[in-house]
Amino acid sequence: MKPKFIMSTGTGWSATTPLWYTLMLDNKYLHTGFRKEGSYLTYLAMTPEQRLRDSLHNKKLKGLSSHEKTQKMAKRVLAERDEYQKTGMLEISSDLPSWNYKGHLANIRKDLYLTQEDIDDFVRPPLSLEKYITYYKRVWETLQENNCPYQAVADLSNSNAFLPESFIKSTIPKLQEHFDVKVIMLVRDPIRRLWSESGAFLEGDQKSFERAFLERVMTRRYYNYLEIIEKWEKVAPVHVVIMEQLWEGYEQDEEIYKLSKFLEYDIQEVHPNVYSPDYGPNAPHYPGLVDQWTSDKYFLREELYNKVKPLFPVYDEWVDKYGCLPLYWGQPYNYAKT
């Protein structure tokens, strides 16, 4: 029987980390190995020129090549695993210098049984699909050897959303020779999702922030949800999770039921999510979710939301495909109060 393999196709700033915690920590359904996402397939899909450019960019930015950066991270991950086993610490240190506090929850390292050699074999150039398959098989083997309850392994790289369709068509069937592949895509109201993404990279007062946000809208720096769904549906079963409905509202039980049915596993609880209910800049500081509670620096004004909405065709496209918009989509949000 083939191991189950769960692939994520995003989307960033839609609570993919709380979903990861939900499936890996709270329900012990899947395990992602030494990292949640590594964009390995994105690298494989690159041309030689793009790979060189990516490596030079990393070298310039952090003084390390892509391989050296990943290798350094792997050593840190295994050191964190050993520290967690000794101390039971709550969070692990962030590698982002702007975050002078902790990053992910430390117990993501709890059932990590890979060796440095396992990881080195995976990330050592030249990268290949064969190494990708071998690595996730090894993750599964270590879980079985240690009597862990997980039902699947997973690559939750948000960048999988942007893989070229030709690459997907040529690659996924090869994965399916070894794994039972399923795809999940977590989506959020498109405007509020882009607002949160923008907040992760933009600084300044609200006026300058809103101006920069408008520039991102005008240059279409947002996900085309329907296009992503349709290209992945051609190669594997796809389940779309509505962020707002999984974490709040009258359809929460139904959303959990549909996810459980797709995974063939009873999801008992969902992890806290900073974005839902949405408190804007007054977000609760949940442990392990610093990436969420540092993103929304200002409330998204009702006037600005209505101004940019006509520039997002996804709302009409969604209604054409599914009949109606999900909870809270297409309208300004009544922010929760602390």
Protein backbone atom coordinates (compact mmCIF):
# COMPACT_ATOMS: atom_id res chain seq x y z
CA MET A 1 0.00 0.00 0.00
CA LYS A 2 1.42 3.37 -1.02
CA PRO A 3 2.02 6.01 1.67
CA LYS A 4 -0.29 9.01 1.48
CA PHE A 5 1.39 12.17 0.25
CA ILE A 6 -0.28 15.54 0.85
CA MET A 7 0.77 18.49 -1.28
CA SER A 8 -0.20 22.08 -0.57
CA THR A 9 -0.75 24.64 -3.29
CA GLY A 10 -0.91 27.59 -0.91
CA THR A 11 -1.93 30.14 -0.37
CA GLY A 12 0.45 32.30 1.65
CA TRP A 13 -1.02 34.58 4.33
CA SER A 14 -4.12 32.39 4.48
CA ALA A 15 -3.23 30.53 7.70
CA THR A 16 -1.14 27.75 6.18
CA THR A 17 0.90 27.57 9.39
CA PRO A 18 -2.17 27.05 11.63
CA LEU A 19 -3.34 24.41 9.14
CA TRP A 20 0.09 22.77 9.38
CA TYR A 21 -0.18 22.75 13.19
CA THR A 22 -3.73 21.41 12.92
CA LEU A 23 -2.74 18.46 10.75
CA MET A 24 0.69 17.71 12.21
CA LEU A 25 0.55 18.64 15.90
CA ASP A 26 -3.07 18.68 17.02
CA ASN A 27 -4.30 15.68 15.02
CA LYS A 28 -1.05 13.89 14.12
CA TYR A 29 -2.29 13.20 10.62
CA LEU A 30 0.73 14.16 8.54
CA HIS A 31 4.43 14.91 8.96
CA THR A 32 6.46 17.30 6.82
CA GLY A 33 9.94 16.10 7.70
CA PHE A 34 12.53 18.68 8.68
CA ARG A 35 10.58 21.67 7.33
CA LYS A 36 7.08 22.72 6.41
CA GLU A 37 8.04 23.96 2.97
CA GLY A 38 11.24 24.09 0.99
CA SER A 39 10.08 24.84 -2.57
CA TYR A 40 12.06 21.83 -3.79
CA LEU A 41 9.79 21.26 -6.78
CA THR A 42 9.95 24.95 -7.65
CA TYR A 43 13.70 24.60 -7.93
CA LEU A 44 13.37 21.51 -10.11
CA ALA A 45 11.01 23.42 -12.41
CA MET A 46 13.54 26.23 -12.93
CA THR A 47 15.68 26.58 -16.02
CA PRO A 48 19.48 26.44 -15.48
CA GLU A 49 19.57 30.23 -15.87
CA GLN A 50 16.89 30.70 -13.22
CA ARG A 51 18.71 28.37 -10.84
CA LEU A 52 21.93 30.32 -11.24
CA ARG A 53 20.12 33.60 -10.68
CA ASP A 54 18.44 32.19 -7.56
CA SER A 55 21.73 30.96 -6.16
CA LEU A 56 23.46 34.29 -6.81
CA HIS A 57 20.56 36.15 -5.20
CA ASN A 58 20.84 34.03 -2.05
CA LYS A 59 24.61 34.46 -2.04
CA LYS A 60 24.24 38.22 -2.24
CA LEU A 61 21.43 38.38 0.31
CA LYS A 62 22.79 36.05 2.99
CA GLY A 63 26.29 35.22 1.87
CA LEU A 64 25.28 31.62 1.19
CA SER A 65 24.25 29.69 -1.89
CA SER A 66 20.82 28.01 -1.95
CA HIS A 67 22.42 24.69 -1.01
CA GLU A 68 24.56 26.18 1.76
CA LYS A 69 21.55 27.99 3.21
CA THR A 70 19.48 24.78 3.30
CA GLN A 71 22.36 22.78 4.76
CA LYS A 72 22.83 25.35 7.51
CA MET A 73 19.12 25.26 8.24
CA ALA A 74 19.14 21.47 8.45
CA LYS A 75 21.89 21.52 11.10
CA ARG A 76 19.93 24.09 13.08
CA VAL A 77 16.75 22.00 12.83
CA LEU A 78 18.44 18.91 14.22
CA ALA A 79 20.01 20.96 17.01
CA GLU A 80 16.55 22.31 17.84
CA ARG A 81 15.21 18.77 17.92
CA ASP A 82 17.85 17.75 20.43
CA GLU A 83 17.21 20.85 22.55
CA TYR A 84 13.45 20.26 22.49
CA GLN A 85 13.91 16.69 23.67
CA LYS A 86 16.03 17.94 26.58
CA THR A 87 14.16 21.07 27.63
CA GLY A 88 10.64 20.86 26.20
CA MET A 89 10.90 24.48 25.03
CA LEU A 90 7.74 26.11 23.64
CA GLU A 91 9.07 27.89 20.55
CA ILE A 92 12.12 27.72 18.33
CA SER A 93 14.20 30.71 17.33
CA SER A 94 13.31 32.57 14.16
CA ASP A 95 15.99 32.93 11.49
CA LEU A 96 14.56 36.32 10.45
CA PRO A 97 16.67 39.10 12.00
CA SER A 98 13.67 41.45 12.17
CA TRP A 99 11.92 39.05 14.57
CA ASN A 100 13.57 39.48 17.93
CA TYR A 101 11.51 36.71 19.44
CA LYS A 102 10.59 33.12 18.75
CA GLY A 103 9.31 31.49 15.59
CA HIS A 104 7.50 28.14 15.16
CA LEU A 105 6.24 25.87 17.90
CA ALA A 106 9.08 23.65 19.04
CA ASN A 107 7.10 20.41 19.12
CA ILE A 108 7.19 20.29 15.31
CA ARG A 109 10.59 18.72 16.02
CA LYS A 110 9.17 16.07 18.34
CA ASP A 111 8.89 13.15 15.92
CA LEU A 112 11.77 14.09 13.65
CA TYR A 113 13.96 11.01 13.30
CA LEU A 114 15.92 11.95 10.20
CA THR A 115 19.70 12.06 10.40
CA GLN A 116 21.98 14.76 9.06
CA GLU A 117 22.97 12.29 6.34
CA ASP A 118 19.31 11.82 5.33
CA ILE A 119 18.88 15.55 4.90
CA ASP A 120 22.24 16.10 3.22
CA ASP A 121 21.40 13.46 0.63
CA PHE A 122 18.14 15.29 -0.05
CA VAL A 123 19.56 18.80 -0.47
CA ARG A 124 22.97 18.05 -1.98
CA PRO A 125 23.27 19.23 -5.62
CA PRO A 126 22.24 18.25 -8.14
CA LEU A 127 18.66 18.20 -6.88
CA SER A 128 16.37 15.70 -8.57
CA LEU A 129 12.89 14.20 -8.43
CA GLU A 130 14.47 10.90 -7.45
CA LYS A 131 15.98 12.54 -4.35
CA TYR A 132 12.64 14.15 -3.56
CA ILE A 133 10.89 10.78 -3.70
CA THR A 134 13.63 9.05 -1.70
CA TYR A 135 13.51 11.75 0.98
CA TYR A 136 9.77 11.53 1.61
CA LYS A 137 9.95 7.74 1.57
CA ARG A 138 12.63 8.03 4.23
CA VAL A 139 10.46 10.36 6.32
CA TRP A 140 7.67 7.78 6.15
CA GLU A 141 10.04 4.93 7.06
CA THR A 142 11.33 6.75 10.15
CA LEU A 143 7.78 7.37 11.35
CA GLN A 144 6.88 3.70 10.89
CA GLU A 145 10.08 2.54 12.58
CA ASN A 146 9.23 4.64 15.64
CA ASN A 147 5.54 3.62 15.81
CA CYS A 148 4.26 7.12 15.13
CA PRO A 149 0.55 7.55 14.40
CA TYR A 150 0.84 9.77 11.32
CA GLN A 151 -1.13 8.72 8.25
CA ALA A 152 0.77 10.73 5.61
CA VAL A 153 3.87 12.70 4.71
CA ALA A 154 3.55 16.15 3.21
CA ASP A 155 5.15 18.96 1.24
CA LEU A 156 3.30 22.11 2.28
CA SER A 157 5.25 24.52 0.06
CA ASN A 158 3.04 27.45 -0.91
CA SER A 159 5.18 27.87 -4.02
CA ASN A 160 3.65 24.67 -5.45
CA ALA A 161 0.79 26.93 -6.52
CA PHE A 162 3.02 28.51 -9.15
CA LEU A 163 4.51 25.37 -10.68
CA PRO A 164 4.07 25.41 -14.48
CA GLU A 165 1.27 23.17 -15.70
CA SER A 166 3.65 21.31 -18.02
CA PHE A 167 5.92 20.50 -15.05
CA ILE A 168 2.95 19.33 -12.98
CA LYS A 169 1.74 17.03 -15.75
CA SER A 170 5.16 15.44 -16.17
CA THR A 171 6.05 15.20 -12.47
CA ILE A 172 2.96 14.22 -10.46
CA PRO A 173 2.39 10.91 -12.30
CA LYS A 174 5.94 9.91 -11.31
CA LEU A 175 5.17 10.75 -7.68
CA GLN A 176 1.97 8.73 -7.95
CA GLU A 177 3.99 5.63 -8.76
CA HIS A 178 5.24 5.77 -5.16
CA PHE A 179 2.60 7.71 -3.20
CA ASP A 180 -1.13 8.21 -2.94
CA VAL A 181 -1.04 11.91 -3.81
CA LYS A 182 -3.71 14.38 -2.67
CA VAL A 183 -3.67 18.17 -2.93
CA ILE A 184 -5.07 20.71 -0.50
CA MET A 185 -5.37 24.43 -1.20
CA LEU A 186 -6.16 26.90 1.57
CA VAL A 187 -7.76 30.12 0.35
CA ARG A 188 -8.77 33.38 2.03
CA ASP A 189 -10.64 36.49 0.94
CA PRO A 190 -8.28 37.67 -1.85
CA ILE A 191 -8.11 41.34 -0.83
CA ARG A 192 -7.47 40.69 2.85
CA ARG A 193 -4.95 38.00 1.94
CA LEU A 194 -2.97 40.49 -0.17
CA TRP A 195 -3.26 43.11 2.60
CA SER A 196 -1.60 40.70 5.04
CA GLU A 197 1.07 39.71 2.52
CA SER A 198 1.83 43.36 1.86
CA GLY A 199 2.20 44.01 5.58
CA ALA A 200 4.93 41.40 5.81
CA PHE A 201 7.12 43.40 3.42
CA LEU A 202 6.03 47.05 3.62
CA GLU A 203 6.80 49.72 6.22
CA GLY A 204 5.76 53.32 6.78
CA ASP A 205 2.70 55.20 7.95
CA GLN A 206 -0.78 54.10 6.87
CA LYS A 207 -0.96 56.52 3.94
CA SER A 208 2.30 55.33 2.37
CA PHE A 209 1.42 51.72 3.19
CA GLU A 210 -1.92 52.01 1.40
CA ARG A 211 -0.21 53.60 -1.61
CA ALA A 212 2.23 50.69 -1.85
CA PHE A 213 -0.64 48.22 -1.43
CA LEU A 214 -2.47 49.86 -4.36
CA GLU A 215 0.65 49.44 -6.49
CA ARG A 216 0.63 45.72 -5.70
CA VAL A 217 -3.03 45.52 -6.67
CA MET A 218 -2.43 47.36 -9.94
CA THR A 219 0.44 45.04 -10.88
CA ARG A 220 -1.76 41.98 -10.12
CA ARG A 221 0.46 40.61 -7.38
CA TYR A 222 -2.14 38.15 -6.19
CA TYR A 223 -3.09 34.50 -6.61
CA ASN A 224 -5.37 33.37 -9.44
CA TYR A 225 -7.23 30.83 -7.33
CA LEU A 226 -9.29 29.24 -10.08
CA GLU A 227 -6.34 28.82 -12.43
CA ILE A 228 -4.34 27.05 -9.71
CA ILE A 229 -7.23 24.77 -8.79
CA GLU A 230 -7.95 23.81 -12.39
CA LYS A 231 -4.37 22.92 -13.34
CA TRP A 232 -3.96 20.70 -10.26
CA GLU A 233 -7.34 19.00 -10.69
CA LYS A 234 -6.04 17.59 -13.96
CA VAL A 235 -3.47 15.41 -12.19
CA ALA A 236 -4.67 14.66 -8.63
CA PRO A 237 -7.62 14.92 -6.22
CA VAL A 238 -7.86 18.51 -4.94
CA HIS A 239 -9.66 19.83 -1.87
CA VAL A 240 -10.11 23.58 -1.42
CA VAL A 241 -10.27 24.73 2.20
CA ILE A 242 -11.94 28.07 2.92
CA MET A 243 -9.94 29.68 5.71
CA GLU A 244 -12.76 31.75 7.15
CA GLN A 245 -15.13 28.78 7.25
CA LEU A 246 -12.62 26.35 8.79
CA TRP A 247 -12.00 28.65 11.75
CA GLU A 248 -15.27 30.47 12.41
CA GLY A 249 -18.88 30.95 11.46
CA TYR A 250 -21.90 28.72 11.05
CA GLU A 251 -20.22 26.52 8.41
CA GLN A 252 -17.21 25.53 10.53
CA ASP A 253 -18.47 22.04 11.35
CA GLU A 254 -19.24 21.41 7.67
CA GLU A 255 -15.80 22.64 6.61
CA ILE A 256 -14.08 20.36 9.12
CA TYR A 257 -16.26 17.45 7.96
CA LYS A 258 -15.33 18.01 4.30
CA LEU A 259 -11.62 18.18 5.10
CA SER A 260 -11.87 15.01 7.21
CA LYS A 261 -13.69 13.20 4.42
CA PHE A 262 -11.09 14.22 1.85
CA LEU A 263 -8.20 13.11 4.06
CA GLU A 264 -10.08 10.01 5.24
CA TYR A 265 -9.20 11.01 8.78
CA ASP A 266 -11.31 12.49 11.57
CA ILE A 267 -10.04 16.00 12.31
CA GLN A 268 -10.83 16.54 15.98
CA GLU A 269 -9.70 20.14 16.46
CA VAL A 270 -8.29 23.11 14.61
CA HIS A 271 -5.33 25.11 15.83
CA PRO A 272 -5.77 28.78 16.81
CA ASN A 273 -5.48 31.14 13.85
CA VAL A 274 -4.59 34.84 14.18
CA TYR A 275 -6.42 35.73 10.95
CA SER A 276 -9.74 34.22 11.98
CA PRO A 277 -11.37 35.89 13.80
CA ASP A 278 -9.43 38.84 12.38
CA TYR A 279 -8.31 41.49 14.87
CA GLY A 280 -6.19 43.43 12.39
CA PRO A 281 -3.22 45.15 14.09
CA ASN A 282 -4.60 44.15 17.51
CA ALA A 283 -4.07 40.47 16.78
CA PRO A 284 -3.49 38.05 19.67
CA HIS A 285 0.12 36.93 20.01
CA TYR A 286 -0.40 33.19 19.74
CA PRO A 287 2.81 31.18 20.22
CA GLY A 288 4.35 29.92 17.00
CA LEU A 289 2.40 32.34 14.79
CA VAL A 290 4.60 35.43 14.81
CA ASP A 291 4.41 35.56 11.01
CA GLN A 292 0.68 36.20 11.34
CA TRP A 293 0.52 38.71 14.16
CA THR A 294 3.26 40.89 12.68
CA SER A 295 1.73 41.16 9.19
CA ASP A 296 -1.35 43.39 9.58
CA LYS A 297 0.07 46.73 10.68
CA TYR A 298 -3.13 48.68 10.02
CA PHE A 299 -6.83 48.01 9.66
CA LEU A 300 -7.93 47.60 6.04
CA ARG A 301 -10.34 50.50 5.61
CA GLU A 302 -13.80 49.85 4.17
CA GLU A 303 -13.30 52.56 1.53
CA LEU A 304 -10.03 51.05 0.34
CA TYR A 305 -11.52 47.54 0.20
CA ASN A 306 -14.42 48.73 -1.96
CA LYS A 307 -12.07 50.75 -4.14
CA VAL A 308 -9.89 47.78 -5.12
CA LYS A 309 -12.58 45.09 -5.27
CA PRO A 310 -13.45 45.70 -8.97
CA LEU A 311 -9.78 44.95 -9.78
CA PHE A 312 -10.09 41.40 -8.42
CA PRO A 313 -11.85 39.24 -11.04
CA VAL A 314 -11.61 36.22 -8.76
CA TYR A 315 -14.86 37.13 -7.00
CA ASP A 316 -16.97 36.85 -10.16
CA GLU A 317 -14.99 33.81 -11.31
CA TRP A 318 -15.62 32.08 -7.98
CA VAL A 319 -19.37 32.70 -8.18
CA ASP A 320 -19.42 31.39 -11.77
CA LYS A 321 -17.75 28.14 -10.66
CA TYR A 322 -19.22 27.55 -7.20
CA GLY A 323 -22.45 29.56 -7.19
CA CYS A 324 -21.71 31.89 -4.27
CA LEU A 325 -18.87 33.49 -2.35
CA PRO A 326 -17.50 31.94 0.88
CA LEU A 327 -18.09 33.44 4.31
CA TYR A 328 -16.96 37.10 4.62
CA TRP A 329 -15.61 37.26 1.05
CA GLY A 330 -16.30 40.25 -1.18
CA GLN A 331 -17.18 42.66 1.62
CA PRO A 332 -15.29 44.75 4.20
CA TYR A 333 -14.62 42.85 7.40
CA ASN A 334 -16.10 43.83 10.75
CA TYR A 335 -12.90 43.39 12.73
CA ALA A 336 -13.09 41.45 15.97
CA LYS A 337 -12.59 43.37 19.20
CA THR A 338 -9.97 42.47 21.77
